[in-house]
């Protein structure tokens, strides 16, 4: 069983929660970042192709979460290249270090991916066998996963978690989604019918731990709760939890495109993903229904 884990992207929403959980379970955790802090933190620079190979010493499994944020800046040609390179080149750098280092026991490589792999598919139910879609996000995910699959040449067990929207008050998409609702401007965007795969942060962390511990897991998995909701359903559920109105008007695509430009693709994409493969692998969700997840997230903090 894996005892020492290397995490990239450990300062992000998922990475920081995963690190905390693993340490609480008795795992040792090394991290890689551009500005390492602490005893078990090591430096790398993906664009300069530099990595401190000491990060691999004694490591049994790698959880690769690093990558430039997708939606925080305008999609210029330069930004698109950064988004792709941060995923593709980082995987290549890790495999190069694994190949050259002899001081590790790495058998498993678990990587983030995204439901953007499928592109905009309307109401079609998407399984892991569904084809790669069209658009920038689909292309990015294709190149990302292809880079991760290079690890098979090193006889590594590869797991890729195609993630939906991870819900947490601590960061990610939810604070951006609930801001208009808090400002009494909650409404569906676009048609409101686009499917939005979601999962609670606790389940996301648990999936990575399952992928580490369950050596029968291999290949791609849709990392989403079993019951996806539409954008309208998600916004309405948030409004209900926050005791705010949900307006029957819809924010037109043209207005969103004016603000976001090409990034509108990420906001209006419809991904009706199936979690069946993950369930078949034995994963047990803590939150299967959106209402339960939001209830836990917005529950008053006990002082």
Protein backbone atom coordinates (compact mmCIF):
# COMPACT_ATOMS: atom_id res chain seq x y z
CA UNK A 1 0.00 0.00 0.00
CA UNK A 2 1.19 3.53 -0.84
CA UNK A 3 2.52 5.41 2.19
CA UNK A 4 4.21 8.47 0.71
CA UNK A 5 2.50 10.69 -1.83
CA UNK A 6 3.79 13.51 -4.03
CA UNK A 7 1.16 16.17 -4.80
CA UNK A 8 1.51 18.87 -7.44
CA UNK A 9 -0.90 21.80 -7.19
CA UNK A 10 -1.11 21.28 -3.43
CA UNK A 11 -1.95 24.92 -2.72
CA UNK A 12 -5.18 24.80 -4.75
CA UNK A 13 -8.67 24.05 -3.43
CA UNK A 14 -8.51 20.29 -3.98
CA UNK A 15 -4.77 19.90 -3.37
CA UNK A 16 -4.77 21.62 0.03
CA UNK A 17 -7.80 19.63 1.22
CA UNK A 18 -6.30 16.37 -0.06
CA UNK A 19 -2.95 17.04 1.62
CA UNK A 20 -4.66 17.73 4.96
CA UNK A 21 -6.75 14.55 4.71
CA UNK A 22 -3.79 12.34 3.74
CA UNK A 23 -1.66 13.66 6.60
CA UNK A 24 -4.55 12.97 8.98
CA UNK A 25 -4.65 9.38 7.71
CA UNK A 26 -0.96 8.86 8.46
CA UNK A 27 0.46 9.32 4.96
CA UNK A 28 3.64 11.24 4.31
CA UNK A 29 3.15 14.00 1.72
CA UNK A 30 5.68 15.81 -0.46
CA UNK A 31 4.61 18.78 -2.55
CA UNK A 32 5.94 20.51 -5.67
CA UNK A 33 5.49 24.23 -6.31
CA UNK A 34 7.26 27.24 -7.76
CA UNK A 35 7.66 28.76 -4.28
CA UNK A 36 8.04 25.85 -1.86
CA UNK A 37 7.54 26.42 1.86
CA UNK A 38 8.17 23.87 4.57
CA UNK A 39 10.19 20.72 5.13
CA UNK A 40 8.46 18.46 2.59
CA UNK A 41 8.00 21.12 -0.11
CA UNK A 42 10.17 21.03 -3.24
CA UNK A 43 10.69 23.45 -6.11
CA UNK A 44 9.97 23.02 -9.78
CA UNK A 45 9.59 25.34 -12.75
CA UNK A 46 7.64 23.70 -15.54
CA UNK A 47 8.47 26.31 -18.17
CA UNK A 48 12.20 26.16 -17.39
CA UNK A 49 11.96 22.34 -17.19
CA UNK A 50 13.54 22.35 -13.73
CA UNK A 51 12.57 19.99 -10.90
CA UNK A 52 14.13 19.02 -7.57
CA UNK A 53 14.27 15.22 -7.96
CA UNK A 54 14.54 14.88 -4.17
CA UNK A 55 10.74 15.32 -4.24
CA UNK A 56 10.51 11.70 -5.42
CA UNK A 57 12.53 10.09 -2.62
CA UNK A 58 10.53 7.26 -1.08
CA UNK A 59 7.36 8.25 -2.96
CA UNK A 60 4.83 5.51 -3.84
CA UNK A 61 2.25 7.50 -5.83
CA UNK A 62 1.91 10.88 -7.56
CA UNK A 63 -1.26 12.99 -7.54
CA UNK A 64 -0.91 15.54 -10.32
CA UNK A 65 -3.23 18.54 -9.90
CA UNK A 66 -1.04 21.38 -11.24
CA UNK A 67 -2.26 23.56 -14.08
CA UNK A 68 -3.00 27.21 -14.84
CA UNK A 69 -6.59 28.28 -13.98
CA UNK A 70 -8.86 27.99 -17.00
CA UNK A 71 -11.37 30.79 -16.54
CA UNK A 72 -9.59 33.58 -14.65
CA UNK A 73 -8.13 35.44 -17.66
CA UNK A 74 -9.13 36.16 -21.25
CA UNK A 75 -8.32 33.36 -23.69
CA UNK A 76 -5.67 35.06 -25.77
CA UNK A 77 -3.47 32.79 -27.88
CA UNK A 78 -0.73 33.21 -25.26
CA UNK A 79 -3.07 32.32 -22.38
CA UNK A 80 -4.37 29.24 -24.19
CA UNK A 81 -0.79 28.07 -24.68
CA UNK A 82 -0.08 28.60 -20.96
CA UNK A 83 -3.17 26.60 -19.97
CA UNK A 84 -2.15 23.66 -22.17
CA UNK A 85 1.60 23.82 -21.50
CA UNK A 86 1.10 23.95 -17.72
CA UNK A 87 -0.62 20.57 -17.96
CA UNK A 88 1.25 18.84 -20.77
CA UNK A 89 4.79 20.01 -19.94
CA UNK A 90 4.33 19.39 -16.20
CA UNK A 91 3.37 15.77 -16.83
CA UNK A 92 6.36 15.33 -19.16
CA UNK A 93 8.70 16.85 -16.56
CA UNK A 94 7.41 14.50 -13.86
CA UNK A 95 7.86 11.42 -16.05
CA UNK A 96 11.38 12.52 -17.00
CA UNK A 97 12.26 12.84 -13.30
CA UNK A 98 10.64 9.49 -12.45
CA UNK A 99 12.57 7.79 -15.25
CA UNK A 100 15.90 9.27 -14.17
CA UNK A 101 15.51 8.87 -10.39
CA UNK A 102 16.11 5.55 -8.64
CA UNK A 103 15.05 6.66 -5.14
CA UNK A 104 11.32 6.09 -5.44
CA UNK A 105 8.74 3.30 -5.42
CA UNK A 106 6.22 4.98 -7.70
CA UNK A 107 3.63 2.59 -9.09
CA UNK A 108 0.65 4.91 -9.53
CA UNK A 109 0.11 8.27 -11.23
CA UNK A 110 -3.27 9.90 -10.57
CA UNK A 111 -4.08 13.01 -12.57
CA UNK A 112 -6.80 15.59 -12.74
CA UNK A 113 -8.64 16.05 -16.02
CA UNK A 114 -11.99 17.69 -16.73
CA UNK A 115 -15.44 17.00 -18.17
CA UNK A 116 -14.51 19.61 -20.75
CA UNK A 117 -12.99 16.62 -22.59
CA UNK A 118 -16.42 15.91 -24.09
CA UNK A 119 -17.17 19.42 -25.31
CA UNK A 120 -20.73 20.74 -25.46
CA UNK A 121 -23.00 17.69 -25.82
CA UNK A 122 -26.49 18.91 -24.92
CA UNK A 123 -28.59 16.19 -23.26
CA UNK A 124 -26.43 13.24 -24.42
CA UNK A 125 -25.43 11.00 -21.51
CA UNK A 126 -21.64 10.96 -21.39
CA UNK A 127 -19.67 7.92 -20.29
CA UNK A 128 -15.90 7.51 -20.26
CA UNK A 129 -16.24 5.85 -23.67
CA UNK A 130 -17.83 8.96 -25.22
CA UNK A 131 -15.61 10.62 -27.84
CA UNK A 132 -13.46 13.69 -27.39
CA UNK A 133 -15.47 16.79 -28.28
CA UNK A 134 -14.81 20.10 -30.00
CA UNK A 135 -13.62 23.47 -28.77
CA UNK A 136 -10.63 24.72 -26.80
CA UNK A 137 -11.41 22.89 -23.55
CA UNK A 138 -11.92 19.58 -25.35
CA UNK A 139 -8.61 20.02 -27.17
CA UNK A 140 -6.85 20.99 -23.95
CA UNK A 141 -8.18 17.91 -22.11
CA UNK A 142 -7.20 15.65 -25.02
CA UNK A 143 -3.61 16.88 -24.98
CA UNK A 144 -3.55 16.78 -21.16
CA UNK A 145 -4.70 13.16 -20.98
CA UNK A 146 -2.42 12.12 -23.81
CA UNK A 147 0.55 13.57 -21.90
CA UNK A 148 -0.51 11.71 -18.73
CA UNK A 149 -0.86 8.44 -20.65
CA UNK A 150 2.86 8.63 -21.46
CA UNK A 151 3.32 7.26 -17.95
CA UNK A 152 2.19 3.86 -19.19
CA UNK A 153 5.58 3.54 -20.88
CA UNK A 154 7.08 3.57 -17.37
CA UNK A 155 4.69 0.75 -16.33
CA UNK A 156 2.73 3.12 -14.09
CA UNK A 157 -0.92 2.64 -13.21
CA UNK A 158 -2.62 5.71 -14.68
CA UNK A 159 -5.88 7.14 -13.31
CA UNK A 160 -7.48 10.28 -14.77
CA UNK A 161 -10.37 11.97 -12.95
CA UNK A 162 -12.50 14.03 -15.34
CA UNK A 163 -13.78 16.57 -12.89
CA UNK A 164 -16.91 18.69 -12.89
CA UNK A 165 -17.56 21.72 -10.66
CA UNK A 166 -16.14 21.10 -7.18
CA UNK A 167 -18.44 22.74 -4.63
CA UNK A 168 -16.95 24.39 -1.55
CA UNK A 169 -17.21 27.72 0.21
CA UNK A 170 -13.40 27.74 0.45
CA UNK A 171 -12.95 28.54 -3.26
CA UNK A 172 -13.47 27.20 -6.74
CA UNK A 173 -16.62 27.96 -8.72
CA UNK A 174 -19.25 28.19 -5.97
CA UNK A 175 -18.33 31.65 -4.58
CA UNK A 176 -18.57 32.98 -8.14
CA UNK A 177 -21.88 31.20 -8.74
CA UNK A 178 -23.51 32.36 -5.54
CA UNK A 179 -22.37 36.01 -5.70
CA UNK A 180 -25.14 37.13 -8.11
CA UNK A 181 -27.65 35.21 -5.98
CA UNK A 182 -26.47 36.99 -2.82
CA UNK A 183 -26.88 40.29 -4.70
CA UNK A 184 -30.53 39.38 -5.48
CA UNK A 185 -29.68 38.78 -9.15
CA UNK A 186 -29.98 34.99 -9.31
CA UNK A 187 -31.04 33.80 -12.77
CA UNK A 188 -30.22 31.07 -15.29
CA UNK A 189 -27.55 31.86 -17.87
CA UNK A 190 -27.95 31.08 -21.56
CA UNK A 191 -30.86 28.68 -21.96
CA UNK A 192 -30.39 27.44 -18.39
CA UNK A 193 -30.81 23.90 -19.74
CA UNK A 194 -27.11 23.08 -19.96
CA UNK A 195 -26.10 20.18 -17.71
CA UNK A 196 -23.64 21.03 -14.96
CA UNK A 197 -21.75 18.09 -13.43
CA UNK A 198 -20.91 18.83 -9.78
CA UNK A 199 -19.48 17.19 -6.67
CA UNK A 200 -18.77 18.18 -3.08
CA UNK A 201 -15.13 18.86 -2.16
CA UNK A 202 -15.23 16.01 0.40
CA UNK A 203 -16.15 13.54 -2.36
CA UNK A 204 -13.46 14.92 -4.66
CA UNK A 205 -10.83 14.35 -1.97
CA UNK A 206 -12.22 10.88 -1.26
CA UNK A 207 -11.99 9.99 -4.97
CA UNK A 208 -8.29 10.80 -5.06
CA UNK A 209 -7.72 8.70 -1.95
CA UNK A 210 -9.68 5.84 -3.53
CA UNK A 211 -7.57 6.18 -6.68
CA UNK A 212 -4.42 5.93 -4.54
CA UNK A 213 -5.59 2.95 -2.49
CA UNK A 214 -7.70 0.96 -4.95
CA UNK A 215 -5.14 -0.48 -7.37
CA UNK A 216 -7.94 -1.95 -9.50
CA UNK A 217 -8.82 1.59 -10.61
CA UNK A 218 -7.24 2.47 -13.95
CA UNK A 219 -8.00 4.77 -16.86
CA UNK A 220 -10.58 7.59 -16.98
CA UNK A 221 -13.40 8.24 -14.52
CA UNK A 222 -16.06 10.94 -14.56
CA UNK A 223 -15.51 12.65 -11.19
CA UNK A 224 -19.05 13.91 -10.70
CA UNK A 225 -22.00 13.16 -8.42
CA UNK A 226 -24.51 10.60 -9.79
CA UNK A 227 -27.23 13.22 -10.32
CA UNK A 228 -26.10 16.16 -12.48
CA UNK A 229 -28.29 19.25 -12.59
CA UNK A 230 -28.97 21.96 -15.13
CA UNK A 231 -27.61 25.47 -14.73
CA UNK A 232 -31.15 26.59 -13.87
CA UNK A 233 -31.49 23.84 -11.27
CA UNK A 234 -28.13 24.69 -9.70
CA UNK A 235 -28.81 28.42 -9.49
CA UNK A 236 -32.31 27.81 -8.14
CA UNK A 237 -30.98 25.44 -5.45
CA UNK A 238 -28.35 28.00 -4.37
CA UNK A 239 -31.00 30.72 -4.20
CA UNK A 240 -33.21 28.51 -2.04
CA UNK A 241 -30.37 27.79 0.41
CA UNK A 242 -29.45 31.49 0.63
CA UNK A 243 -33.11 32.57 0.94
CA UNK A 244 -32.80 34.78 -2.11
CA UNK A 245 -35.10 35.12 -5.11
CA UNK A 246 -34.55 33.21 -8.34
CA UNK A 247 -35.73 35.28 -11.28
CA UNK A 248 -37.45 33.64 -14.28
CA UNK A 249 -35.45 35.75 -16.76
CA UNK A 250 -32.37 34.31 -18.46
CA UNK A 251 -29.03 36.03 -19.00
CA UNK A 252 -28.58 35.85 -22.81
CA UNK A 253 -25.47 34.27 -24.31
CA UNK A 254 -24.61 37.50 -26.13
CA UNK A 255 -24.40 39.40 -22.83
CA UNK A 256 -22.17 36.74 -21.26
CA UNK A 257 -19.93 36.66 -24.34
CA UNK A 258 -19.54 40.43 -24.11
CA UNK A 259 -18.06 39.99 -20.63
CA UNK A 260 -16.16 36.70 -21.01
CA UNK A 261 -15.31 36.56 -24.70
CA UNK A 262 -14.32 33.08 -25.85
CA UNK A 263 -14.47 31.81 -22.24
CA UNK A 264 -18.24 31.71 -22.66
CA UNK A 265 -17.57 28.14 -23.87
CA UNK A 266 -16.64 27.10 -20.32
CA UNK A 267 -19.76 28.66 -18.82
CA UNK A 268 -22.38 27.44 -21.30
CA UNK A 269 -21.04 23.94 -22.01
CA UNK A 270 -23.54 21.14 -21.35
CA UNK A 271 -22.07 17.90 -19.92
CA UNK A 272 -24.59 15.27 -18.82
CA UNK A 273 -21.99 12.94 -17.30
CA UNK A 274 -22.54 9.46 -15.90
CA UNK A 275 -20.83 8.42 -12.65
CA UNK A 276 -21.60 4.72 -13.18
CA UNK A 277 -18.00 3.63 -13.79
CA UNK A 278 -16.92 5.22 -10.52
CA UNK A 279 -19.82 3.56 -8.68
CA UNK A 280 -18.90 0.22 -10.26
CA UNK A 281 -15.36 0.69 -8.92
CA UNK A 282 -16.85 0.72 -5.43
CA UNK A 283 -16.74 4.44 -4.70
CA UNK A 284 -19.33 5.56 -2.15
CA UNK A 285 -20.46 9.16 -2.38
CA UNK A 286 -21.03 11.18 0.76
CA UNK A 287 -23.27 13.55 -1.20
CA UNK A 288 -25.34 12.26 -4.13
CA UNK A 289 -27.95 15.04 -4.23
CA UNK A 290 -27.18 18.72 -4.78
CA UNK A 291 -29.51 19.83 -1.98
CA UNK A 292 -27.61 17.68 0.55
CA UNK A 293 -24.26 19.06 -0.59
CA UNK A 294 -25.42 22.68 -0.39
CA UNK A 295 -26.98 22.05 3.01
CA UNK A 296 -23.61 20.89 4.33
CA UNK A 297 -21.70 23.73 2.66
CA UNK A 298 -23.98 26.52 3.87
CA UNK A 299 -24.62 25.06 7.34
CA UNK A 300 -23.85 27.62 10.08
CA UNK A 301 -20.37 27.18 11.54
CA UNK A 302 -20.45 26.08 15.17
CA UNK A 303 -18.34 28.42 17.32
